[in-house]
Amino acid sequence: MIHGYNISDPVDLNEVKGYTNDLIKEHRMKGKDPKNHIGYSLNKEEGLQSAKITAKRLAEITGKKFYYEVINYINQLLNES
């Protein structure tokens, strides 16, 4: 599948970190708005794993480098746990 992105295109790592942290909070039900979560309260590792699954699916569907960077950042956080 061709997604039309260039692997050398720069990705803003601050944007990746912000998006990733929001995604993890959403999965952990830690957001400020109770409407913006998946309905379960997860611990940190479960939240990271859930966010990783979501990011992998987005990467597969879109082929965007951004989501691959999100996966890399989540892997870093998992290794720090």
Protein backbone atom coordinates (compact mmCIF):
# COMPACT_ATOMS: atom_id res chain seq x y z
CA MET A 1 0.00 0.00 0.00
CA ILE A 2 1.34 3.44 -0.93
CA HIS A 3 0.58 6.22 1.51
CA GLY A 4 2.40 9.12 -0.12
CA TYR A 5 4.68 10.15 2.71
CA ASN A 6 8.39 10.72 2.73
CA ILE A 7 10.35 8.98 5.49
CA SER A 8 12.71 11.95 5.65
CA ASP A 9 9.90 14.42 6.41
CA PRO A 10 10.57 15.94 9.84
CA VAL A 11 8.21 15.21 12.71
CA ASP A 12 7.88 17.62 15.63
CA LEU A 13 8.80 15.49 18.65
CA ASN A 14 7.01 17.86 21.02
CA GLU A 15 3.83 17.32 19.02
CA VAL A 16 4.41 13.55 19.16
CA LYS A 17 4.89 13.65 22.94
CA GLY A 18 1.82 15.84 23.47
CA TYR A 19 -0.38 13.63 21.29
CA THR A 20 0.97 10.47 22.93
CA ASN A 21 0.38 11.76 26.45
CA ASP A 22 -3.18 12.77 25.54
CA LEU A 23 -3.77 9.33 24.00
CA ILE A 24 -2.47 7.59 27.12
CA LYS A 25 -4.64 9.77 29.37
CA GLU A 26 -7.64 8.99 27.21
CA HIS A 27 -7.01 5.26 27.55
CA ARG A 28 -6.39 5.55 31.27
CA MET A 29 -9.54 7.68 31.80
CA LYS A 30 -7.43 10.45 33.26
CA GLY A 31 -8.70 13.27 31.07
CA LYS A 32 -10.55 16.28 32.43
CA ASP A 33 -13.61 15.66 30.27
CA PRO A 34 -15.37 12.37 31.18
CA LYS A 35 -16.82 12.18 27.66
CA ASN A 36 -13.33 11.84 26.17
CA HIS A 37 -12.26 8.42 27.39
CA ILE A 38 -12.87 4.78 26.49
CA GLY A 39 -14.86 4.03 29.63
CA TYR A 40 -12.32 2.05 31.62
CA SER A 41 -9.78 2.99 34.22
CA LEU A 42 -6.42 1.44 33.37
CA ASN A 43 -3.11 1.44 35.19
CA LYS A 44 -0.07 3.07 33.61
CA GLU A 45 1.24 0.02 31.73
CA GLU A 46 -2.21 -0.95 30.47
CA GLY A 47 -2.73 2.62 29.29
CA LEU A 48 0.59 2.56 27.46
CA GLN A 49 -0.17 -0.79 25.82
CA SER A 50 -3.65 0.37 24.78
CA ALA A 51 -2.27 3.59 23.34
CA LYS A 52 0.34 1.57 21.45
CA ILE A 53 -2.35 -0.62 19.89
CA THR A 54 -4.26 2.48 18.79
CA ALA A 55 -1.11 4.10 17.36
CA LYS A 56 -0.18 0.91 15.50
CA ARG A 57 -3.60 0.78 13.89
CA LEU A 58 -3.40 4.46 12.91
CA ALA A 59 0.08 3.88 11.46
CA GLU A 60 -1.19 0.91 9.45
CA ILE A 61 -4.19 2.79 8.12
CA THR A 62 -2.54 6.12 7.35
CA GLY A 63 1.11 5.18 6.84
CA LYS A 64 2.05 8.50 8.45
CA LYS A 65 5.47 8.77 10.00
CA PHE A 66 3.89 10.68 12.88
CA TYR A 67 2.17 7.57 14.23
CA TYR A 68 5.34 5.50 13.92
CA GLU A 69 7.06 8.15 16.04
CA VAL A 70 4.21 7.87 18.56
CA ILE A 71 4.87 4.11 18.74
CA ASN A 72 8.60 4.75 19.25
CA TYR A 73 7.85 7.20 22.07
CA ILE A 74 5.45 4.75 23.73
CA ASN A 75 8.15 2.06 23.51
CA GLN A 76 10.56 4.44 25.27
CA LEU A 77 8.01 5.02 28.02
CA LEU A 78 7.44 1.27 28.37
CA ASN A 79 11.18 0.67 28.69
CA GLU A 80 11.35 3.31 31.43
CA SER A 81 8.54 1.62 33.41
